[in-house]
N, C-alpha and C. Protein backbone atom coordinates (compact mmCIF):
# COMPACT_ATOMS: atom_id res chain seq x y z
N UNK A 1 -38.79 10.93 52.69
CA UNK A 1 -37.60 10.22 52.21
C UNK A 1 -36.38 10.59 53.05
N UNK A 2 -36.26 11.88 53.34
CA UNK A 2 -35.12 12.34 54.12
C UNK A 2 -35.17 11.78 55.54
N UNK A 3 -36.38 11.70 56.10
CA UNK A 3 -36.52 11.14 57.45
C UNK A 3 -36.11 9.68 57.49
N UNK A 4 -36.48 8.92 56.47
CA UNK A 4 -36.12 7.51 56.41
C UNK A 4 -34.60 7.35 56.31
N UNK A 5 -33.97 8.18 55.50
CA UNK A 5 -32.51 8.14 55.37
C UNK A 5 -31.84 8.55 56.68
N UNK A 6 -32.41 9.53 57.37
CA UNK A 6 -31.84 9.96 58.64
C UNK A 6 -31.91 8.85 59.67
N UNK A 7 -33.01 8.10 59.70
CA UNK A 7 -33.14 6.99 60.64
C UNK A 7 -32.13 5.88 60.31
N UNK A 8 -31.97 5.59 59.04
CA UNK A 8 -31.00 4.58 58.63
C UNK A 8 -29.59 5.03 58.98
N UNK A 9 -29.31 6.31 58.79
CA UNK A 9 -28.00 6.85 59.12
C UNK A 9 -27.75 6.76 60.62
N UNK A 10 -28.79 7.00 61.43
CA UNK A 10 -28.64 6.92 62.88
C UNK A 10 -28.32 5.49 63.32
N UNK A 11 -28.97 4.52 62.70
CA UNK A 11 -28.70 3.12 63.03
C UNK A 11 -27.26 2.76 62.66
N UNK A 12 -26.83 3.19 61.50
CA UNK A 12 -25.46 2.92 61.08
C UNK A 12 -24.44 3.63 61.98
N UNK A 13 -24.80 4.81 62.45
CA UNK A 13 -23.91 5.54 63.35
C UNK A 13 -23.74 4.81 64.67
N UNK A 14 -24.82 4.27 65.20
CA UNK A 14 -24.75 3.50 66.45
C UNK A 14 -23.91 2.24 66.23
N UNK A 15 -24.11 1.59 65.10
CA UNK A 15 -23.31 0.39 64.79
C UNK A 15 -21.83 0.75 64.69
N UNK A 16 -21.52 1.91 64.14
CA UNK A 16 -20.13 2.35 64.03
C UNK A 16 -19.54 2.63 65.41
N UNK A 17 -20.33 3.20 66.31
CA UNK A 17 -19.86 3.44 67.68
C UNK A 17 -19.52 2.12 68.37
N UNK A 18 -20.40 1.13 68.21
CA UNK A 18 -20.16 -0.17 68.82
C UNK A 18 -18.91 -0.82 68.23
N UNK A 19 -18.75 -0.69 66.92
CA UNK A 19 -17.54 -1.23 66.26
C UNK A 19 -16.28 -0.57 66.82
N UNK A 20 -16.33 0.73 67.05
CA UNK A 20 -15.18 1.44 67.60
C UNK A 20 -14.81 0.94 68.99
N UNK A 21 -15.83 0.69 69.81
CA UNK A 21 -15.58 0.18 71.16
C UNK A 21 -14.96 -1.21 71.09
N UNK A 22 -15.48 -2.04 70.20
CA UNK A 22 -14.96 -3.41 70.06
C UNK A 22 -13.51 -3.40 69.57
N UNK A 23 -13.18 -2.48 68.69
CA UNK A 23 -11.82 -2.43 68.14
C UNK A 23 -10.78 -1.96 69.14
N UNK A 24 -11.19 -1.29 70.22
CA UNK A 24 -10.20 -0.83 71.19
C UNK A 24 -9.67 -1.96 72.07
N UNK A 25 -10.45 -3.01 72.26
CA UNK A 25 -10.02 -4.10 73.15
C UNK A 25 -8.70 -4.74 72.70
N UNK A 26 -8.53 -5.10 71.42
CA UNK A 26 -7.25 -5.69 71.03
C UNK A 26 -6.07 -4.72 71.17
N UNK A 27 -6.34 -3.43 71.02
CA UNK A 27 -5.26 -2.45 71.16
C UNK A 27 -4.76 -2.45 72.61
N UNK A 28 -5.70 -2.39 73.56
CA UNK A 28 -5.29 -2.38 74.96
C UNK A 28 -4.65 -3.71 75.37
N UNK A 29 -5.14 -4.82 74.83
CA UNK A 29 -4.55 -6.11 75.14
C UNK A 29 -3.12 -6.20 74.60
N UNK A 30 -2.92 -5.70 73.38
CA UNK A 30 -1.58 -5.68 72.81
C UNK A 30 -0.63 -4.80 73.60
N UNK A 31 -1.14 -3.68 74.07
CA UNK A 31 -0.33 -2.79 74.90
C UNK A 31 0.05 -3.48 76.20
N UNK A 32 -0.88 -4.20 76.78
CA UNK A 32 -0.61 -4.95 78.01
C UNK A 32 0.42 -6.04 77.76
N UNK A 33 0.29 -6.77 76.65
CA UNK A 33 1.22 -7.86 76.33
C UNK A 33 2.62 -7.33 76.04
N UNK A 34 2.72 -6.13 75.50
CA UNK A 34 4.02 -5.55 75.16
C UNK A 34 4.71 -4.99 76.39
N UNK A 35 4.02 -4.93 77.48
CA UNK A 35 4.65 -4.45 78.71
C UNK A 35 4.68 -2.93 78.83
N UNK A 36 3.99 -2.23 77.99
CA UNK A 36 3.93 -0.77 78.09
C UNK A 36 5.19 -0.07 77.62
N UNK A 37 5.91 -0.67 76.67
CA UNK A 37 7.11 -0.01 76.14
C UNK A 37 6.69 1.25 75.37
N UNK A 38 7.65 2.13 75.14
CA UNK A 38 7.34 3.37 74.43
C UNK A 38 6.79 3.11 73.03
N UNK A 39 7.35 2.13 72.35
CA UNK A 39 6.85 1.82 71.01
C UNK A 39 5.43 1.29 71.06
N UNK A 40 5.13 0.45 72.05
CA UNK A 40 3.77 -0.08 72.19
C UNK A 40 2.79 1.04 72.53
N UNK A 41 3.22 1.97 73.37
CA UNK A 41 2.35 3.10 73.71
C UNK A 41 2.09 3.95 72.47
N UNK A 42 3.14 4.21 71.68
CA UNK A 42 2.97 5.00 70.46
C UNK A 42 2.04 4.30 69.46
N UNK A 43 2.21 3.00 69.30
CA UNK A 43 1.35 2.24 68.39
C UNK A 43 -0.10 2.26 68.89
N UNK A 44 -0.29 2.17 70.20
CA UNK A 44 -1.64 2.22 70.76
C UNK A 44 -2.28 3.59 70.52
N UNK A 45 -1.50 4.65 70.71
CA UNK A 45 -2.03 6.00 70.47
C UNK A 45 -2.44 6.16 69.01
N UNK A 46 -1.60 5.69 68.11
CA UNK A 46 -1.93 5.79 66.68
C UNK A 46 -3.16 4.96 66.33
N UNK A 47 -3.23 3.76 66.85
CA UNK A 47 -4.38 2.90 66.57
C UNK A 47 -5.66 3.48 67.13
N UNK A 48 -5.61 3.94 68.37
CA UNK A 48 -6.80 4.51 69.00
C UNK A 48 -7.19 5.82 68.32
N UNK A 49 -6.21 6.58 67.85
CA UNK A 49 -6.51 7.80 67.10
C UNK A 49 -7.25 7.51 65.81
N UNK A 50 -6.82 6.48 65.11
CA UNK A 50 -7.51 6.08 63.89
C UNK A 50 -8.92 5.60 64.16
N UNK A 51 -9.08 4.83 65.22
CA UNK A 51 -10.42 4.36 65.59
C UNK A 51 -11.30 5.55 65.98
N UNK A 52 -10.73 6.48 66.74
CA UNK A 52 -11.49 7.67 67.15
C UNK A 52 -11.93 8.48 65.94
N UNK A 53 -11.05 8.64 64.97
CA UNK A 53 -11.43 9.39 63.76
C UNK A 53 -12.54 8.69 63.01
N UNK A 54 -12.49 7.36 62.96
CA UNK A 54 -13.54 6.64 62.23
C UNK A 54 -14.88 6.72 62.95
N UNK A 55 -14.86 7.07 64.23
CA UNK A 55 -16.10 7.21 64.98
C UNK A 55 -16.56 8.67 65.02
N UNK A 56 -15.62 9.61 65.16
CA UNK A 56 -15.97 11.03 65.32
C UNK A 56 -16.39 11.68 64.00
N UNK A 57 -15.72 11.35 62.92
CA UNK A 57 -16.04 11.98 61.63
C UNK A 57 -17.50 11.72 61.23
N UNK A 58 -18.03 10.51 61.37
CA UNK A 58 -19.45 10.32 61.06
C UNK A 58 -20.38 11.14 61.97
N UNK A 59 -19.97 11.40 63.21
CA UNK A 59 -20.79 12.24 64.08
C UNK A 59 -20.91 13.65 63.52
N UNK A 60 -19.80 14.21 63.05
CA UNK A 60 -19.83 15.54 62.44
C UNK A 60 -20.66 15.52 61.16
N UNK A 61 -20.53 14.46 60.39
CA UNK A 61 -21.31 14.35 59.15
C UNK A 61 -22.80 14.28 59.47
N UNK A 62 -23.16 13.57 60.54
CA UNK A 62 -24.57 13.45 60.93
C UNK A 62 -25.14 14.82 61.30
N UNK A 63 -24.36 15.60 62.03
CA UNK A 63 -24.82 16.94 62.40
C UNK A 63 -25.02 17.81 61.16
N UNK A 64 -24.10 17.69 60.22
CA UNK A 64 -24.19 18.50 59.00
C UNK A 64 -25.41 18.09 58.17
N UNK A 65 -25.66 16.79 58.06
CA UNK A 65 -26.83 16.31 57.31
C UNK A 65 -28.11 16.75 58.00
N UNK A 66 -28.13 16.72 59.34
CA UNK A 66 -29.32 17.13 60.07
C UNK A 66 -29.61 18.61 59.83
N UNK A 67 -28.58 19.44 59.86
CA UNK A 67 -28.77 20.87 59.58
C UNK A 67 -29.26 21.09 58.16
N UNK A 68 -28.72 20.34 57.21
CA UNK A 68 -29.14 20.47 55.82
C UNK A 68 -30.61 20.08 55.66
N UNK A 69 -31.02 19.01 56.34
CA UNK A 69 -32.42 18.58 56.27
C UNK A 69 -33.34 19.63 56.87
N UNK A 70 -32.92 20.23 57.98
CA UNK A 70 -33.74 21.28 58.60
C UNK A 70 -33.87 22.49 57.68
N UNK A 71 -32.79 22.87 57.02
CA UNK A 71 -32.84 23.99 56.07
C UNK A 71 -33.79 23.70 54.92
N UNK A 72 -33.73 22.46 54.41
CA UNK A 72 -34.64 22.10 53.31
C UNK A 72 -36.08 22.13 53.75
N UNK A 73 -36.36 21.65 54.97
CA UNK A 73 -37.73 21.70 55.49
C UNK A 73 -38.22 23.12 55.62
N UNK A 74 -37.36 24.00 56.12
CA UNK A 74 -37.74 25.41 56.24
C UNK A 74 -38.00 26.03 54.88
N UNK A 75 -37.15 25.70 53.90
CA UNK A 75 -37.32 26.25 52.57
C UNK A 75 -38.61 25.74 51.91
N UNK A 76 -38.94 24.47 52.15
CA UNK A 76 -40.16 23.89 51.57
C UNK A 76 -41.42 24.47 52.22
N UNK A 77 -41.34 24.78 53.52
CA UNK A 77 -42.52 25.27 54.21
C UNK A 77 -42.83 26.75 53.88
N UNK A 78 -41.86 27.45 53.36
CA UNK A 78 -42.08 28.87 53.04
C UNK A 78 -42.65 29.05 51.68
């Protein structure tokens, strides 16, 4: 059961990575259209930071879930 959930989580993680890449295009286009003003640069940094957090946090969660699954397997085998 845990292996099936891990595989589903991996697929969702890849989909989230692709979503993050797709969401950066409008940010860079908006920055280009604004002419690179300081406000546009600040807005781009904030937007890209939010996108990065939405991509990076699931990566940390995946590592934590993987470690938890390994601990459970070790406990079950003993």
